[in-house]
Amino acid sequence: MRTILILNPKGGCGKSTIATTIAGYFAMRGNNVSLADCDPQCSSSDWLDIRPENLARINNVPVKKNKLLVPNNTDILVLDTPAGIHEQKIASILRVAQTMIIPVLPSPIDIRAAERFISDLIKLRKKSVNRKIKIATVANRVNEMTIAADKIEDYLYNIKLPNGRKIPYMALLRATQNYVHAAEQGKTIFELAPSRTYYDREQWKPLLRWLNSKRSLP
């Protein structure tokens, strides 16, 4: 089973949007996808509740007594994590995930929070059972052609691991009402009209290519 983790302890960075979009994308490709909503706000679970029955099915994974009840036939498990998640919980999740995506917003506060988190993550990764987890970053909800967009791209392009290798920066996703409209309908941008979401789909291509490649696996 492939496990894709969407993680950033900073709230409001769009983890649920990334998680539901990835889950929907892989389900559309014929995979048996399960989505675990570990966030008390239940945004992903609410999205699944209103998802039209005629669209590709995604299993809603319940969390009971801090355990995920994942269906045995799951091909891909997507984990949507809460804000403020503590180090011990992060360590336990890292043990089971193969791939991690860190969404970051283009504000000074969010970038500083991301710097602290990624620094702590690198230290924690050294102690983790799964040291080979593949990590990538995404700039999310970005107003393009702004100074903030340039700053976040410059920051994410240059993050390095202790061995000198860069953490891949995979996508800049714009701030658009398309994601809001999709969420209101239990859909992803890939299930809205292509003419309306063409640009957004293009922005997702580098991240999806990475997720579909061996580079995103240990």
Protein backbone atom coordinates (compact mmCIF):
# COMPACT_ATOMS: atom_id res chain seq x y z
CA MET A 1 0.00 0.00 0.00
CA ARG A 2 1.32 3.43 -0.98
CA THR A 3 0.97 6.07 1.76
CA ILE A 4 1.06 9.78 0.88
CA LEU A 5 1.24 12.19 3.80
CA ILE A 6 0.19 15.84 3.62
CA LEU A 7 1.86 17.57 6.55
CA ASN A 8 2.51 21.04 7.89
CA PRO A 9 1.71 21.87 11.54
CA LYS A 10 0.80 25.43 10.50
CA GLY A 11 -2.97 25.73 10.15
CA GLY A 12 -4.71 27.13 7.09
CA CYS A 13 -2.09 26.11 4.54
CA GLY A 14 -4.48 24.07 2.40
CA LYS A 15 -3.60 20.53 3.49
CA SER A 16 -7.16 19.28 2.95
CA THR A 17 -7.33 20.73 -0.56
CA ILE A 18 -4.06 19.02 -1.47
CA ALA A 19 -5.15 15.75 0.16
CA THR A 20 -8.56 15.60 -1.53
CA THR A 21 -7.14 16.57 -4.91
CA ILE A 22 -4.49 13.84 -4.75
CA ALA A 23 -7.04 11.28 -3.57
CA GLY A 24 -9.44 12.21 -6.36
CA TYR A 25 -6.72 12.14 -9.00
CA PHE A 26 -5.54 8.63 -8.14
CA ALA A 27 -9.12 7.36 -7.78
CA MET A 28 -9.89 8.66 -11.29
CA ARG A 29 -6.95 6.58 -12.54
CA GLY A 30 -8.58 3.41 -11.25
CA ASN A 31 -6.76 3.00 -7.96
CA ASN A 32 -8.51 1.90 -4.78
CA VAL A 33 -7.95 5.05 -2.74
CA SER A 34 -8.55 5.63 0.97
CA LEU A 35 -8.51 9.08 2.56
CA ALA A 36 -7.81 9.38 6.29
CA ASP A 37 -8.93 12.66 7.83
CA CYS A 38 -6.90 13.02 11.02
CA ASP A 39 -7.88 16.68 11.46
CA PRO A 40 -10.55 17.47 14.11
CA GLN A 41 -12.00 20.04 11.69
CA CYS A 42 -12.97 17.11 9.42
CA SER A 43 -12.68 19.09 6.18
CA SER A 44 -11.72 16.04 4.12
CA SER A 45 -14.44 13.90 5.69
CA ASP A 46 -17.04 16.59 4.96
CA TRP A 47 -15.81 16.66 1.36
CA LEU A 48 -16.23 12.90 1.09
CA ASP A 49 -19.73 13.10 2.57
CA ILE A 50 -20.94 15.33 -0.27
CA ARG A 51 -18.96 13.63 -3.04
CA PRO A 52 -21.33 12.59 -5.87
CA GLU A 53 -21.85 8.82 -6.17
CA ASN A 54 -21.17 8.87 -9.92
CA LEU A 55 -17.56 9.99 -9.39
CA ALA A 56 -14.58 7.74 -8.67
CA ARG A 57 -15.05 6.21 -5.24
CA ILE A 58 -12.76 7.14 -2.34
CA ASN A 59 -12.91 5.27 0.98
CA ASN A 60 -13.36 7.36 4.10
CA VAL A 61 -10.97 5.89 6.70
CA PRO A 62 -12.29 6.22 10.25
CA VAL A 63 -9.91 7.00 13.10
CA LYS A 64 -10.73 5.09 16.30
CA LYS A 65 -8.57 5.21 19.41
CA ASN A 66 -5.80 6.83 17.37
CA LYS A 67 -5.80 3.92 14.91
CA LEU A 68 -6.67 4.07 11.23
CA LEU A 69 -9.10 1.41 10.01
CA VAL A 70 -7.76 1.17 6.46
CA PRO A 71 -9.48 -1.27 4.07
CA ASN A 72 -7.23 -4.21 3.22
CA ASN A 73 -7.54 -3.71 -0.53
CA THR A 74 -6.34 -0.08 -0.45
CA ASP A 75 -3.80 0.79 -3.17
CA ILE A 76 -3.15 4.34 -2.04
CA LEU A 77 -3.73 5.88 1.38
CA VAL A 78 -3.74 9.68 1.63
CA LEU A 79 -3.30 11.15 5.12
CA ASP A 80 -4.69 14.62 5.85
CA THR A 81 -3.09 15.77 9.11
CA PRO A 82 -4.18 18.39 11.66
CA ALA A 83 -2.60 21.71 12.55
CA GLY A 84 -0.48 21.81 15.69
CA ILE A 85 0.50 18.16 15.44
CA HIS A 86 3.19 17.35 18.01
CA GLU A 87 6.59 15.78 17.42
CA GLN A 88 5.71 12.36 18.81
CA LYS A 89 2.70 12.07 16.52
CA ILE A 90 4.75 13.24 13.53
CA ALA A 91 7.35 10.57 14.29
CA SER A 92 4.71 7.83 14.39
CA ILE A 93 3.25 8.95 11.06
CA LEU A 94 6.67 9.11 9.43
CA ARG A 95 7.15 5.44 10.22
CA VAL A 96 4.34 4.40 7.88
CA ALA A 97 4.53 6.98 5.07
CA GLN A 98 6.60 6.68 1.92
CA THR A 99 5.89 10.13 0.53
CA MET A 100 5.34 13.51 2.18
CA ILE A 101 4.08 16.76 0.69
CA ILE A 102 4.51 20.03 2.61
CA PRO A 103 2.22 22.85 1.44
CA VAL A 104 3.43 26.36 2.32
CA LEU A 105 1.58 29.67 1.98
CA PRO A 106 3.34 32.75 0.55
CA SER A 107 3.35 34.93 3.66
CA PRO A 108 6.31 35.85 5.90
CA ILE A 109 4.62 34.20 8.89
CA ASP A 110 4.01 30.95 7.02
CA ILE A 111 7.50 30.88 5.52
CA ARG A 112 9.11 31.38 8.95
CA ALA A 113 6.87 28.65 10.39
CA ALA A 114 7.86 26.37 7.50
CA GLU A 115 11.55 27.06 8.13
CA ARG A 116 11.19 25.96 11.76
CA PHE A 117 9.12 22.91 10.86
CA ILE A 118 11.43 21.71 8.10
CA SER A 119 14.46 22.22 10.35
CA ASP A 120 12.79 20.15 13.08
CA LEU A 121 11.66 17.60 10.50
CA ILE A 122 15.20 17.08 9.25
CA LYS A 123 16.37 16.42 12.82
CA LEU A 124 13.42 14.12 13.48
CA ARG A 125 13.98 12.28 10.20
CA LYS A 126 17.40 11.19 11.43
CA LYS A 127 15.76 9.39 14.35
CA SER A 128 12.75 8.10 12.46
CA VAL A 129 12.33 4.45 11.51
CA ASN A 130 11.62 5.53 7.93
CA ARG A 131 14.59 7.74 7.08
CA LYS A 132 14.09 7.26 3.37
CA ILE A 133 10.70 8.98 3.17
CA LYS A 134 10.58 11.20 0.10
CA ILE A 135 9.66 14.83 0.76
CA ALA A 136 8.51 17.57 -1.61
CA THR A 137 7.17 21.09 -1.08
CA VAL A 138 4.31 22.96 -2.74
CA ALA A 139 3.65 26.69 -2.74
CA ASN A 140 -0.09 26.94 -2.17
CA ARG A 141 -2.73 29.66 -2.63
CA VAL A 142 -0.29 31.97 -4.36
CA ASN A 143 -1.20 35.24 -6.03
CA GLU A 144 1.09 35.11 -9.02
CA MET A 145 3.21 37.99 -10.26
CA THR A 146 3.70 39.30 -6.72
CA ILE A 147 6.77 39.82 -4.57
CA ALA A 148 5.41 37.22 -2.14
CA ALA A 149 5.25 34.64 -4.96
CA ASP A 150 8.89 35.32 -5.86
CA LYS A 151 9.98 35.04 -2.22
CA ILE A 152 8.28 31.72 -1.54
CA GLU A 153 9.60 30.20 -4.76
CA ASP A 154 13.13 31.35 -3.94
CA TYR A 155 12.85 29.87 -0.43
CA LEU A 156 11.37 26.53 -1.51
CA TYR A 157 13.82 26.12 -4.39
CA ASN A 158 16.76 26.30 -2.01
CA ILE A 159 15.84 24.07 0.95
CA LYS A 160 18.52 21.43 1.43
CA LEU A 161 18.91 18.27 3.47
CA PRO A 162 22.03 17.86 5.66
CA ASN A 163 23.66 15.81 2.86
CA GLY A 164 23.38 18.80 0.54
CA ARG A 165 20.55 17.42 -1.58
CA LYS A 166 17.66 19.76 -2.21
CA ILE A 167 14.13 18.96 -1.11
CA PRO A 168 12.20 19.01 -4.40
CA TYR A 169 9.95 22.02 -4.89
CA MET A 170 7.26 20.60 -7.13
CA ALA A 171 4.47 23.10 -7.79
CA LEU A 172 3.11 26.60 -7.40
CA LEU A 173 -0.66 26.44 -7.04
CA ARG A 174 -2.49 29.69 -7.55
CA ALA A 175 -5.19 31.18 -5.36
CA THR A 176 -8.40 30.62 -7.32
CA GLN A 177 -12.08 30.10 -6.68
CA ASN A 178 -11.89 26.87 -8.70
CA TYR A 179 -10.71 25.04 -5.57
CA VAL A 180 -13.56 26.56 -3.55
CA HIS A 181 -16.17 25.54 -6.13
CA ALA A 182 -14.72 22.03 -6.32
CA ALA A 183 -14.78 21.65 -2.53
CA GLU A 184 -18.39 22.79 -2.37
CA GLN A 185 -19.36 19.94 -4.71
CA GLY A 186 -17.19 17.16 -3.32
CA LYS A 187 -15.08 17.26 -6.46
CA THR A 188 -11.50 18.00 -7.46
CA ILE A 189 -10.37 20.47 -10.12
CA PHE A 190 -9.88 17.43 -12.36
CA GLU A 191 -13.63 16.81 -12.18
CA LEU A 192 -14.65 20.35 -13.11
CA ALA A 193 -14.86 21.54 -16.71
CA PRO A 194 -11.41 21.34 -18.36
CA SER A 195 -11.91 24.71 -20.05
CA ARG A 196 -12.37 26.29 -16.64
CA THR A 197 -9.52 24.53 -14.85
CA TYR A 198 -6.93 24.09 -17.61
CA TYR A 199 -4.38 26.40 -15.97
CA ASP A 200 -4.80 24.75 -12.56
CA ARG A 201 -4.36 21.29 -14.08
CA GLU A 202 -1.15 22.49 -15.72
CA GLN A 203 0.17 23.72 -12.38
CA TRP A 204 -0.42 20.27 -10.87
CA LYS A 205 1.46 18.38 -13.60
CA PRO A 206 4.99 18.55 -12.07
CA LEU A 207 3.74 17.28 -8.70
CA LEU A 208 1.70 14.49 -10.29
CA ARG A 209 4.62 13.41 -12.47
CA TRP A 210 6.74 13.21 -9.34
CA LEU A 211 4.09 11.21 -7.45
CA ASN A 212 3.85 8.80 -10.39
CA SER A 213 7.62 8.32 -10.57
CA LYS A 214 10.07 6.22 -8.59
CA ARG A 215 11.62 9.47 -7.35
CA SER A 216 8.75 9.88 -4.88
CA LEU A 217 9.25 6.42 -3.37
CA PRO A 218 11.91 5.19 -0.88
